[in-house]
Amino acid sequence: MYMKNILRLSLLFICLIVMVGCGKKDDNKLVMVTEAGFAPYEYYENGEIVGVDVDIAKEIAKELGKELVIKDIAFDSIINEVRTGKADIAAGISYSDERAKKVDFSINYSVSKQVVIVKNDSFINSINDINDKKIAVQLGSVADTYVTENYKNAEIVRQKKYLAAIEDLKVGKVDLVVMDELPAKEIIEKNSGIKILDGELTSDSYGMIVKKGNTELLEAVNKVLNRLSSDGSIDNFIIKHTEE
């Protein structure tokens, strides 16, 4: 009986070791989560996720001596993936007090604008004339937050992907789309019949996020971002991915 108990305990111990080992995150990999429909920051090209944020993440991985792994997920799941440690970093995230309670933010590395996209034959001619219209935004984005807070009479349609919001516009389900200027310009180039109205609704700064309290990783991220900002690399990344 004694030997049987010892054997059972030994087997249990081995199983626990295997379970922990299987569940342990690979320390040799840097995992970045993103929603890869946000050109030029992250998008698919020949089946691979590329973009400004990917180029930056590669530099961070190189600084840490790790392999970069990119996971494409829904935008509204990104904060939770980093908060729970399922991913190490996420890029292109706008700071808010609410988000800062859940994750730690890097320095800002990009500034962009929220603009309005309409059909070419739209009756909407000004960004000042959208308060009572049907507006499409990406769920959880800065546009979502801004429109919700500032256009109380609007009907807001929230899509998980920017391209779904654009399709809603093209088929007449919504009157306009509010989104970030750079990916908006990319979309306009690839889609006839739609345009960006003059002006901006608000400006937006982007940073990276890490799990709260992970100061070592945050310091490494900031070190790389400072270097890439000061030597002009980030500007070159943006130019490269907007000219492709």
Protein backbone atom coordinates (compact mmCIF):
# COMPACT_ATOMS: atom_id res chain seq x y z
CA MET A 1 0.00 0.00 0.00
CA TYR A 2 2.84 2.36 0.91
CA MET A 3 4.61 1.71 -2.40
CA LYS A 4 1.38 2.19 -4.33
CA ASN A 5 0.86 5.59 -2.69
CA ILE A 6 4.43 6.58 -3.49
CA LEU A 7 3.91 5.53 -7.10
CA ARG A 8 0.68 7.51 -7.35
CA LEU A 9 2.32 10.61 -5.88
CA SER A 10 5.25 10.26 -8.26
CA LEU A 11 2.94 9.99 -11.25
CA LEU A 12 0.94 12.99 -10.05
CA PHE A 13 4.15 15.01 -9.65
CA ILE A 14 5.30 14.10 -13.16
CA CYS A 15 1.89 15.07 -14.60
CA LEU A 16 2.03 18.43 -12.84
CA ILE A 17 5.49 19.10 -14.25
CA VAL A 18 4.30 18.24 -17.75
CA MET A 19 1.20 20.42 -17.39
CA VAL A 20 3.18 23.40 -16.12
CA GLY A 21 5.79 22.92 -18.83
CA CYS A 22 3.17 22.78 -21.55
CA GLY A 23 1.40 25.87 -20.27
CA LYS A 24 4.53 27.92 -19.75
CA LYS A 25 5.09 30.77 -22.18
CA ASP A 26 8.18 30.44 -24.37
CA ASP A 27 10.69 32.98 -23.02
CA ASN A 28 12.55 32.95 -26.33
CA LYS A 29 9.58 34.47 -28.17
CA LEU A 30 8.11 37.97 -28.14
CA VAL A 31 4.37 37.71 -28.82
CA MET A 32 2.61 40.71 -30.33
CA VAL A 33 -1.16 40.83 -30.80
CA THR A 34 -2.76 43.02 -33.42
CA GLU A 35 -5.82 43.40 -35.62
CA ALA A 36 -4.20 43.11 -39.03
CA GLY A 37 -6.57 45.29 -41.03
CA PHE A 38 -5.06 48.63 -40.17
CA ALA A 39 -2.72 49.57 -43.02
CA PRO A 40 -0.09 50.94 -43.02
CA TYR A 41 0.46 49.91 -39.38
CA GLU A 42 -0.45 46.22 -39.74
CA TYR A 43 -1.94 44.42 -42.73
CA TYR A 44 -1.58 41.26 -44.79
CA GLU A 45 0.74 41.04 -47.77
CA ASN A 46 1.20 37.70 -49.53
CA GLY A 47 -0.26 35.91 -46.53
CA GLU A 48 2.11 37.58 -44.04
CA ILE A 49 1.34 40.32 -41.51
CA VAL A 50 3.49 43.37 -42.28
CA GLY A 51 3.41 47.08 -41.52
CA VAL A 52 4.89 49.91 -39.50
CA ASP A 53 4.14 48.28 -36.15
CA VAL A 54 5.56 44.97 -37.33
CA ASP A 55 8.82 46.66 -38.33
CA ILE A 56 9.00 48.30 -34.91
CA ALA A 57 8.22 45.02 -33.14
CA LYS A 58 11.01 43.29 -35.07
CA GLU A 59 13.46 45.86 -33.73
CA ILE A 60 12.20 45.26 -30.18
CA ALA A 61 12.55 41.50 -30.61
CA LYS A 62 16.07 41.99 -31.93
CA GLU A 63 16.92 44.17 -28.90
CA LEU A 64 15.70 41.38 -26.60
CA GLY A 65 17.29 38.58 -28.61
CA LYS A 66 13.92 36.92 -29.19
CA GLU A 67 11.83 35.61 -32.06
CA LEU A 68 8.83 37.76 -32.95
CA VAL A 69 5.47 35.97 -33.10
CA ILE A 70 2.40 37.89 -34.34
CA LYS A 71 -1.19 36.92 -33.51
CA ASP A 72 -4.06 38.44 -35.48
CA ILE A 73 -7.08 38.92 -33.19
CA ALA A 74 -10.13 41.16 -32.86
CA PHE A 75 -9.23 44.70 -31.82
CA ASP A 76 -11.49 44.66 -28.77
CA SER A 77 -9.61 41.60 -27.40
CA ILE A 78 -6.13 43.12 -27.58
CA ILE A 79 -6.05 44.80 -24.15
CA ASN A 80 -7.15 41.62 -22.40
CA GLU A 81 -4.56 39.47 -24.22
CA VAL A 82 -1.76 41.70 -22.93
CA ARG A 83 -3.32 42.21 -19.50
CA THR A 84 -3.54 38.47 -18.88
CA GLY A 85 -0.05 37.72 -20.20
CA LYS A 86 -1.19 35.77 -23.25
CA ALA A 87 0.76 38.29 -25.33
CA ASP A 88 3.77 40.47 -24.51
CA ILE A 89 3.04 43.62 -26.48
CA ALA A 90 0.51 45.35 -28.69
CA ALA A 91 1.09 48.38 -30.86
CA GLY A 92 -0.96 51.28 -32.18
CA ILE A 93 -2.95 51.69 -28.98
CA SER A 94 -4.26 55.09 -27.91
CA TYR A 95 -3.83 56.06 -24.28
CA SER A 96 -6.86 56.38 -22.03
CA ASP A 97 -7.16 56.42 -18.26
CA GLU A 98 -9.37 53.35 -18.40
CA ARG A 99 -6.86 51.37 -20.46
CA ALA A 100 -3.97 52.52 -18.25
CA LYS A 101 -5.63 50.79 -15.30
CA LYS A 102 -5.21 47.47 -17.11
CA VAL A 103 -1.89 47.77 -18.97
CA ASP A 104 1.24 49.94 -19.02
CA PHE A 105 1.84 52.31 -21.94
CA SER A 106 5.08 53.12 -23.74
CA ILE A 107 6.00 56.56 -25.00
CA ASN A 108 3.97 57.73 -28.01
CA TYR A 109 5.57 57.01 -31.36
CA SER A 110 2.92 58.12 -33.87
CA VAL A 111 0.28 60.80 -34.14
CA SER A 112 -2.67 60.51 -36.47
CA LYS A 113 -6.07 62.05 -37.14
CA GLN A 114 -9.63 60.74 -37.08
CA VAL A 115 -11.30 61.56 -40.40
CA VAL A 116 -14.66 61.07 -42.09
CA ILE A 117 -15.19 58.87 -45.15
CA VAL A 118 -18.34 59.22 -47.29
CA LYS A 119 -19.49 58.09 -50.72
CA ASN A 120 -18.60 60.43 -53.59
CA ASP A 121 -22.26 61.24 -54.16
CA SER A 122 -23.03 61.72 -50.47
CA PHE A 123 -25.29 64.53 -49.29
CA ILE A 124 -22.78 65.08 -46.45
CA ASN A 125 -20.25 67.72 -47.48
CA SER A 126 -18.73 68.72 -44.14
CA ILE A 127 -17.47 67.01 -40.99
CA ASN A 128 -19.68 69.48 -39.12
CA ASP A 129 -22.80 67.83 -40.50
CA ILE A 130 -22.66 64.30 -39.07
CA ASN A 131 -24.30 64.50 -35.64
CA ASP A 132 -27.66 62.98 -36.63
CA LYS A 133 -26.28 60.53 -39.21
CA LYS A 134 -25.62 56.79 -39.24
CA ILE A 135 -21.92 56.36 -38.46
CA ALA A 136 -19.78 53.22 -38.77
CA VAL A 137 -16.68 52.76 -36.60
CA GLN A 138 -14.38 49.94 -35.55
CA LEU A 139 -15.43 48.44 -32.24
CA GLY A 140 -13.23 49.62 -29.35
CA SER A 141 -11.28 52.13 -31.44
CA VAL A 142 -10.62 55.79 -30.75
CA ALA A 143 -13.27 56.60 -33.36
CA ASP A 144 -15.77 54.49 -31.42
CA THR A 145 -15.03 56.32 -28.17
CA TYR A 146 -14.96 59.77 -29.76
CA VAL A 147 -18.18 59.38 -31.74
CA THR A 148 -19.99 57.85 -28.76
CA GLU A 149 -19.02 60.75 -26.51
CA ASN A 150 -19.53 63.59 -28.98
CA TYR A 151 -22.38 62.66 -31.32
CA LYS A 152 -25.32 61.83 -29.08
CA ASN A 153 -27.89 62.01 -31.88
CA ALA A 154 -26.00 59.70 -34.22
CA GLU A 155 -26.78 56.04 -34.80
CA ILE A 156 -23.49 54.20 -34.33
CA VAL A 157 -22.74 50.92 -36.11
CA ARG A 158 -19.74 49.11 -34.58
CA GLN A 159 -17.82 46.62 -36.69
CA LYS A 160 -14.90 44.45 -35.63
CA LYS A 161 -13.01 45.26 -38.84
CA TYR A 162 -12.51 48.57 -40.64
CA LEU A 163 -13.17 46.92 -43.99
CA ALA A 164 -16.59 45.77 -42.78
CA ALA A 165 -17.41 49.38 -41.90
CA ILE A 166 -16.33 50.47 -45.38
CA GLU A 167 -18.53 47.79 -46.96
CA ASP A 168 -21.46 49.10 -44.89
CA LEU A 169 -20.82 52.54 -46.38
CA LYS A 170 -20.49 51.29 -49.95
CA VAL A 171 -23.82 49.42 -49.85
CA GLY A 172 -25.64 52.28 -48.10
CA LYS A 173 -26.13 50.75 -44.65
CA VAL A 174 -24.42 53.78 -43.07
CA ASP A 175 -23.88 57.40 -44.08
CA LEU A 176 -20.22 57.65 -43.17
CA VAL A 177 -17.22 55.98 -41.53
CA VAL A 178 -14.96 57.59 -38.92
CA MET A 179 -11.44 56.17 -38.74
CA ASP A 180 -7.72 56.87 -38.61
CA GLU A 181 -6.33 59.00 -41.44
CA LEU A 182 -3.47 56.78 -42.66
CA PRO A 183 -5.45 53.56 -43.13
CA ALA A 184 -8.29 55.73 -44.51
CA LYS A 185 -5.98 56.96 -47.27
CA GLU A 186 -4.93 53.38 -48.02
CA ILE A 187 -8.58 52.34 -48.29
CA ILE A 188 -9.48 55.27 -50.55
CA GLU A 189 -6.71 54.31 -52.99
CA LYS A 190 -8.11 50.80 -53.30
CA ASN A 191 -11.82 51.63 -53.38
CA SER A 192 -13.49 53.87 -55.96
CA GLY A 193 -16.65 55.76 -55.12
CA ILE A 194 -15.64 56.94 -51.65
CA LYS A 195 -13.70 59.95 -50.37
CA ILE A 196 -12.32 61.63 -47.24
CA LEU A 197 -13.95 64.90 -46.21
CA ASP A 198 -11.73 67.89 -45.48
CA GLY A 199 -10.68 68.39 -41.87
CA GLU A 200 -10.24 66.16 -38.84
CA LEU A 201 -12.50 65.31 -35.93
CA THR A 202 -9.71 64.80 -33.41
CA SER A 203 -6.01 63.92 -33.19
CA ASP A 204 -4.76 60.66 -31.76
CA SER A 205 -1.38 59.49 -30.41
CA TYR A 206 -0.30 55.85 -30.52
CA GLY A 207 1.88 53.90 -28.12
CA MET A 208 2.65 50.29 -27.30
CA ILE A 209 1.33 48.39 -24.29
CA VAL A 210 2.76 45.70 -22.02
CA LYS A 211 1.40 43.78 -19.06
CA LYS A 212 1.06 46.01 -16.00
CA GLY A 213 4.20 45.93 -13.87
CA ASN A 214 6.48 44.49 -16.56
CA THR A 215 8.98 47.31 -16.22
CA GLU A 216 11.85 45.40 -17.82
CA LEU A 217 9.96 44.92 -21.07
CA LEU A 218 8.55 48.45 -20.97
CA GLU A 219 12.05 49.91 -20.61
CA ALA A 220 13.27 47.86 -23.58
CA VAL A 221 10.28 48.98 -25.69
CA ASN A 222 10.86 52.64 -24.82
CA LYS A 223 14.57 52.32 -25.54
CA VAL A 224 13.87 51.02 -29.05
CA LEU A 225 11.08 53.54 -29.70
CA ASN A 226 13.33 56.42 -28.66
CA ARG A 227 16.06 55.18 -30.99
CA LEU A 228 13.75 54.62 -33.94
CA SER A 229 12.12 58.03 -33.44
CA SER A 230 15.38 59.94 -33.14
CA ASP A 231 17.10 58.33 -36.15
CA GLY A 232 14.06 58.73 -38.43
CA SER A 233 13.37 55.01 -38.78
CA ILE A 234 9.69 55.23 -37.84
CA ASP A 235 9.11 57.93 -40.46
CA ASN A 236 10.85 55.70 -43.00
CA PHE A 237 8.66 52.74 -42.00
CA ILE A 238 5.54 54.87 -42.55
CA ILE A 239 6.76 56.07 -45.95
CA LYS A 240 7.64 52.50 -46.99
CA HIS A 241 4.24 51.08 -46.10
CA THR A 242 2.22 53.96 -47.55
CA GLU A 243 4.03 53.87 -50.88
CA GLU A 244 3.76 50.12 -51.43
